[in-house]
Amino acid sequence: MLEGPATGPEGYTWWRIRTDDGRSRWAVEGVPETGGFLQTLIPVP
């Protein structure tokens, strides 16, 4: 994790991450899904 959490204008929570190959991007924590919430970033111990 490089930055975050940051709330975008759509209300989602965003994190700036760096991948193993050195790329950095913003990734959404999760999105609403029918009947719940789809978590897209999974913490790694």
PDB file of N, CA and C in Angstrom:
ATOM      1  N   MET A   1       0.828  -1.169   0.000  1.00  0.00           N
ATOM      2  CA  MET A   1       0.000   0.000   0.000  1.00  0.00           C
ATOM      3  C   MET A   1       0.879   1.240   0.000  1.00  0.00           C
ATOM      4  N   LEU A   2       0.574   2.148  -0.909  1.00  0.00           N
ATOM      5  CA  LEU A   2       1.319   3.391  -1.005  1.00  0.00           C
ATOM      6  C   LEU A   2       0.546   4.563  -0.421  1.00  0.00           C
ATOM      7  N   GLU A   3      -0.770   4.575  -0.657  1.00  0.00           N
ATOM      8  CA  GLU A   3      -1.634   5.641  -0.168  1.00  0.00           C
ATOM      9  C   GLU A   3      -3.015   5.082   0.108  1.00  0.00           C
ATOM     10  N   GLY A   4      -3.757   5.812   0.921  1.00  0.00           N
ATOM     11  CA  GLY A   4      -5.143   5.456   1.158  1.00  0.00           C
ATOM     12  C   GLY A   4      -5.393   5.224   2.627  1.00  0.00           C
ATOM     13  N   PRO A   5      -6.624   5.057   2.969  1.00  0.00           N
ATOM     14  CA  PRO A   5      -7.768   5.025   2.065  1.00  0.00           C
ATOM     15  C   PRO A   5      -8.161   6.426   1.608  1.00  0.00           C
ATOM     16  N   ALA A   6      -8.749   6.496   0.430  1.00  0.00           N
ATOM     17  CA  ALA A   6      -9.275   7.742  -0.119  1.00  0.00           C
ATOM     18  C   ALA A   6     -10.680   7.449  -0.645  1.00  0.00           C
ATOM     19  N   THR A   7     -11.605   8.338  -0.376  1.00  0.00           N
ATOM     20  CA  THR A   7     -12.975   8.161  -0.851  1.00  0.00           C
ATOM     21  C   THR A   7     -13.151   8.909  -2.161  1.00  0.00           C
ATOM     22  N   GLY A   8     -13.547   8.188  -3.185  1.00  0.00           N
ATOM     23  CA  GLY A   8     -13.772   8.791  -4.499  1.00  0.00           C
ATOM     24  C   GLY A   8     -15.135   9.446  -4.578  1.00  0.00           C
ATOM     25  N   PRO A   9     -15.383  10.201  -5.640  1.00  0.00           N
ATOM     26  CA  PRO A   9     -16.661  10.909  -5.790  1.00  0.00           C
ATOM     27  C   PRO A   9     -17.865   9.970  -5.882  1.00  0.00           C
ATOM     28  N   GLU A  10     -17.612   8.711  -6.231  1.00  0.00           N
ATOM     29  CA  GLU A  10     -18.705   7.738  -6.315  1.00  0.00           C
ATOM     30  C   GLU A  10     -18.990   7.084  -4.970  1.00  0.00           C
ATOM     31  N   GLY A  11     -18.163   7.437  -3.943  1.00  0.00           N
ATOM     32  CA  GLY A  11     -18.361   6.900  -2.597  1.00  0.00           C
ATOM     33  C   GLY A  11     -17.566   5.640  -2.309  1.00  0.00           C
ATOM     34  N   TYR A  12     -16.799   5.141  -3.265  1.00  0.00           N
ATOM     35  CA  TYR A  12     -15.993   3.936  -3.049  1.00  0.00           C
ATOM     36  C   TYR A  12     -14.704   4.288  -2.315  1.00  0.00           C
ATOM     37  N   THR A  13     -14.142   3.301  -1.637  1.00  0.00           N
ATOM     38  CA  THR A  13     -12.868   3.469  -0.947  1.00  0.00           C
ATOM     39  C   THR A  13     -11.760   2.964  -1.856  1.00  0.00           C
ATOM     40  N   TRP A  14     -10.747   3.819  -2.088  1.00  0.00           N
ATOM     41  CA  TRP A  14      -9.639   3.511  -2.994  1.00  0.00           C
ATOM     42  C   TRP A  14      -8.318   3.458  -2.243  1.00  0.00           C
ATOM     43  N   TRP A  15      -7.407   2.590  -2.710  1.00  0.00           N
ATOM     44  CA  TRP A  15      -6.059   2.462  -2.172  1.00  0.00           C
ATOM     45  C   TRP A  15      -5.072   2.494  -3.331  1.00  0.00           C
ATOM     46  N   ARG A  16      -3.976   3.199  -3.166  1.00  0.00           N
ATOM     47  CA  ARG A  16      -2.916   3.172  -4.184  1.00  0.00           C
ATOM     48  C   ARG A  16      -1.962   2.059  -3.796  1.00  0.00           C
ATOM     49  N   ILE A  17      -1.783   1.111  -4.687  1.00  0.00           N
ATOM     50  CA  ILE A  17      -0.975  -0.076  -4.410  1.00  0.00           C
ATOM     51  C   ILE A  17       0.179  -0.190  -5.394  1.00  0.00           C
ATOM     52  N   ARG A  18       1.182  -0.952  -5.036  1.00  0.00           N
ATOM     53  CA  ARG A  18       2.284  -1.281  -5.955  1.00  0.00           C
ATOM     54  C   ARG A  18       2.295  -2.793  -6.096  1.00  0.00           C
ATOM     55  N   THR A  19       2.317  -3.268  -7.335  1.00  0.00           N
ATOM     56  CA  THR A  19       2.336  -4.702  -7.600  1.00  0.00           C
ATOM     57  C   THR A  19       3.762  -5.239  -7.484  1.00  0.00           C
ATOM     58  N   ASP A  20       3.892  -6.556  -7.461  1.00  0.00           N
ATOM     59  CA  ASP A  20       5.207  -7.197  -7.344  1.00  0.00           C
ATOM     60  C   ASP A  20       6.156  -6.802  -8.467  1.00  0.00           C
ATOM     61  N   ASP A  21       5.593  -6.466  -9.639  1.00  0.00           N
ATOM     62  CA  ASP A  21       6.458  -6.085 -10.759  1.00  0.00           C
ATOM     63  C   ASP A  21       6.748  -4.583 -10.811  1.00  0.00           C
ATOM     64  N   GLY A  22       6.365  -3.846  -9.748  1.00  0.00           N
ATOM     65  CA  GLY A  22       6.726  -2.444  -9.621  1.00  0.00           C
ATOM     66  C   GLY A  22       5.713  -1.430 -10.131  1.00  0.00           C
ATOM     67  N   ARG A  23       4.623  -1.890 -10.740  1.00  0.00           N
ATOM     68  CA  ARG A  23       3.604  -0.950 -11.218  1.00  0.00           C
ATOM     69  C   ARG A  23       2.784  -0.421 -10.034  1.00  0.00           C
ATOM     70  N   SER A  24       2.388   0.836 -10.088  1.00  0.00           N
ATOM     71  CA  SER A  24       1.503   1.372  -9.054  1.00  0.00           C
ATOM     72  C   SER A  24       0.222   1.871  -9.705  1.00  0.00           C
ATOM     73  N   ARG A  25      -0.888   1.586  -9.047  1.00  0.00           N
ATOM     74  CA  ARG A  25      -2.221   1.934  -9.549  1.00  0.00           C
ATOM     75  C   ARG A  25      -3.141   2.148  -8.354  1.00  0.00           C
ATOM     76  N   TRP A  26      -4.291   2.794  -8.613  1.00  0.00           N
ATOM     77  CA  TRP A  26      -5.341   2.894  -7.610  1.00  0.00           C
ATOM     78  C   TRP A  26      -6.270   1.690  -7.786  1.00  0.00           C
ATOM     79  N   ALA A  27      -6.655   1.083  -6.671  1.00  0.00           N
ATOM     80  CA  ALA A  27      -7.549  -0.077  -6.705  1.00  0.00           C
ATOM     81  C   ALA A  27      -8.698   0.159  -5.732  1.00  0.00           C
ATOM     82  N   VAL A  28      -9.893  -0.201  -6.153  1.00  0.00           N
ATOM     83  CA  VAL A  28     -11.061  -0.027  -5.299  1.00  0.00           C
ATOM     84  C   VAL A  28     -11.098  -1.158  -4.271  1.00  0.00           C
ATOM     85  N   GLU A  29     -11.489  -0.820  -3.030  1.00  0.00           N
ATOM     86  CA  GLU A  29     -11.540  -1.806  -1.949  1.00  0.00           C
ATOM     87  C   GLU A  29     -12.648  -2.830  -2.168  1.00  0.00           C
ATOM     88  N   GLY A  30     -13.748  -2.387  -2.720  1.00  0.00           N
ATOM     89  CA  GLY A  30     -14.871  -3.277  -2.966  1.00  0.00           C
ATOM     90  C   GLY A  30     -16.001  -2.504  -3.613  1.00  0.00           C
ATOM     91  N   VAL A  31     -17.009  -3.231  -4.074  1.00  0.00           N
ATOM     92  CA  VAL A  31     -18.155  -2.607  -4.729  1.00  0.00           C
ATOM     93  C   VAL A  31     -19.440  -3.272  -4.235  1.00  0.00           C
ATOM     94  N   PRO A  32     -20.528  -2.498  -4.226  1.00  0.00           N
ATOM     95  CA  PRO A  32     -21.811  -3.102  -3.853  1.00  0.00           C
ATOM     96  C   PRO A  32     -22.182  -4.197  -4.849  1.00  0.00           C
ATOM     97  N   GLU A  33     -22.774  -5.241  -4.335  1.00  0.00           N
ATOM     98  CA  GLU A  33     -23.207  -6.362  -5.162  1.00  0.00           C
ATOM     99  C   GLU A  33     -24.594  -6.759  -4.692  1.00  0.00           C
ATOM    100  N   THR A  34     -25.394  -7.333  -5.545  1.00  0.00           N
ATOM    101  CA  THR A  34     -26.729  -7.745  -5.148  1.00  0.00           C
ATOM    102  C   THR A  34     -26.661  -8.582  -3.877  1.00  0.00           C
ATOM    103  N   GLY A  35     -27.297  -8.093  -2.833  1.00  0.00           N
ATOM    104  CA  GLY A  35     -27.338  -8.834  -1.582  1.00  0.00           C
ATOM    105  C   GLY A  35     -26.096  -8.710  -0.725  1.00  0.00           C
ATOM    106  N   GLY A  36     -25.171  -7.801  -1.048  1.00  0.00           N
ATOM    107  CA  GLY A  36     -23.978  -7.691  -0.210  1.00  0.00           C
ATOM    108  C   GLY A  36     -22.920  -6.759  -0.770  1.00  0.00           C
ATOM    109  N   PHE A  37     -21.682  -7.140  -0.522  1.00  0.00           N
ATOM    110  CA  PHE A  37     -20.528  -6.319  -0.884  1.00  0.00           C
ATOM    111  C   PHE A  37     -19.440  -7.233  -1.418  1.00  0.00           C
ATOM    112  N   LEU A  38     -18.915  -6.917  -2.595  1.00  0.00           N
ATOM    113  CA  LEU A  38     -17.841  -7.701  -3.209  1.00  0.00           C
ATOM    114  C   LEU A  38     -16.519  -7.043  -2.859  1.00  0.00           C
ATOM    115  N   GLN A  39     -15.728  -7.679  -1.994  1.00  0.00           N
ATOM    116  CA  GLN A  39     -14.439  -7.144  -1.612  1.00  0.00           C
ATOM    117  C   GLN A  39     -13.425  -7.499  -2.680  1.00  0.00           C
ATOM    118  N   THR A  40     -12.748  -6.470  -3.224  1.00  0.00           N
ATOM    119  CA  THR A  40     -11.797  -6.709  -4.315  1.00  0.00           C
ATOM    120  C   THR A  40     -10.348  -6.677  -3.862  1.00  0.00           C
ATOM    121  N   LEU A  41     -10.078  -6.050  -2.715  1.00  0.00           N
ATOM    122  CA  LEU A  41      -8.725  -6.067  -2.137  1.00  0.00           C
ATOM    123  C   LEU A  41      -8.763  -6.937  -0.891  1.00  0.00           C
ATOM    124  N   ILE A  42      -7.942  -7.956  -0.877  1.00  0.00           N
ATOM    125  CA  ILE A  42      -7.906  -8.905   0.239  1.00  0.00           C
ATOM    126  C   ILE A  42      -6.589  -8.694   0.999  1.00  0.00           C
ATOM    127  N   PRO A  43      -6.677  -8.381   2.308  1.00  0.00           N
ATOM    128  CA  PRO A  43      -5.437  -8.198   3.090  1.00  0.00           C
ATOM    129  C   PRO A  43      -4.594  -9.461   3.115  1.00  0.00           C
ATOM    130  N   VAL A  44      -3.295  -9.302   3.029  1.00  0.00           N
ATOM    131  CA  VAL A  44      -2.357 -10.427   3.097  1.00  0.00           C
ATOM    132  C   VAL A  44      -1.561 -10.269   4.380  1.00  0.00           C
ATOM    133  N   PRO A  45      -1.527 -11.332   5.213  1.00  0.00           N
ATOM    134  CA  PRO A  45      -0.783 -11.222   6.486  1.00  0.00           C
ATOM    135  C   PRO A  45       0.711 -11.102   6.285  1.00  0.00           C
TER     136      PRO A  45
END
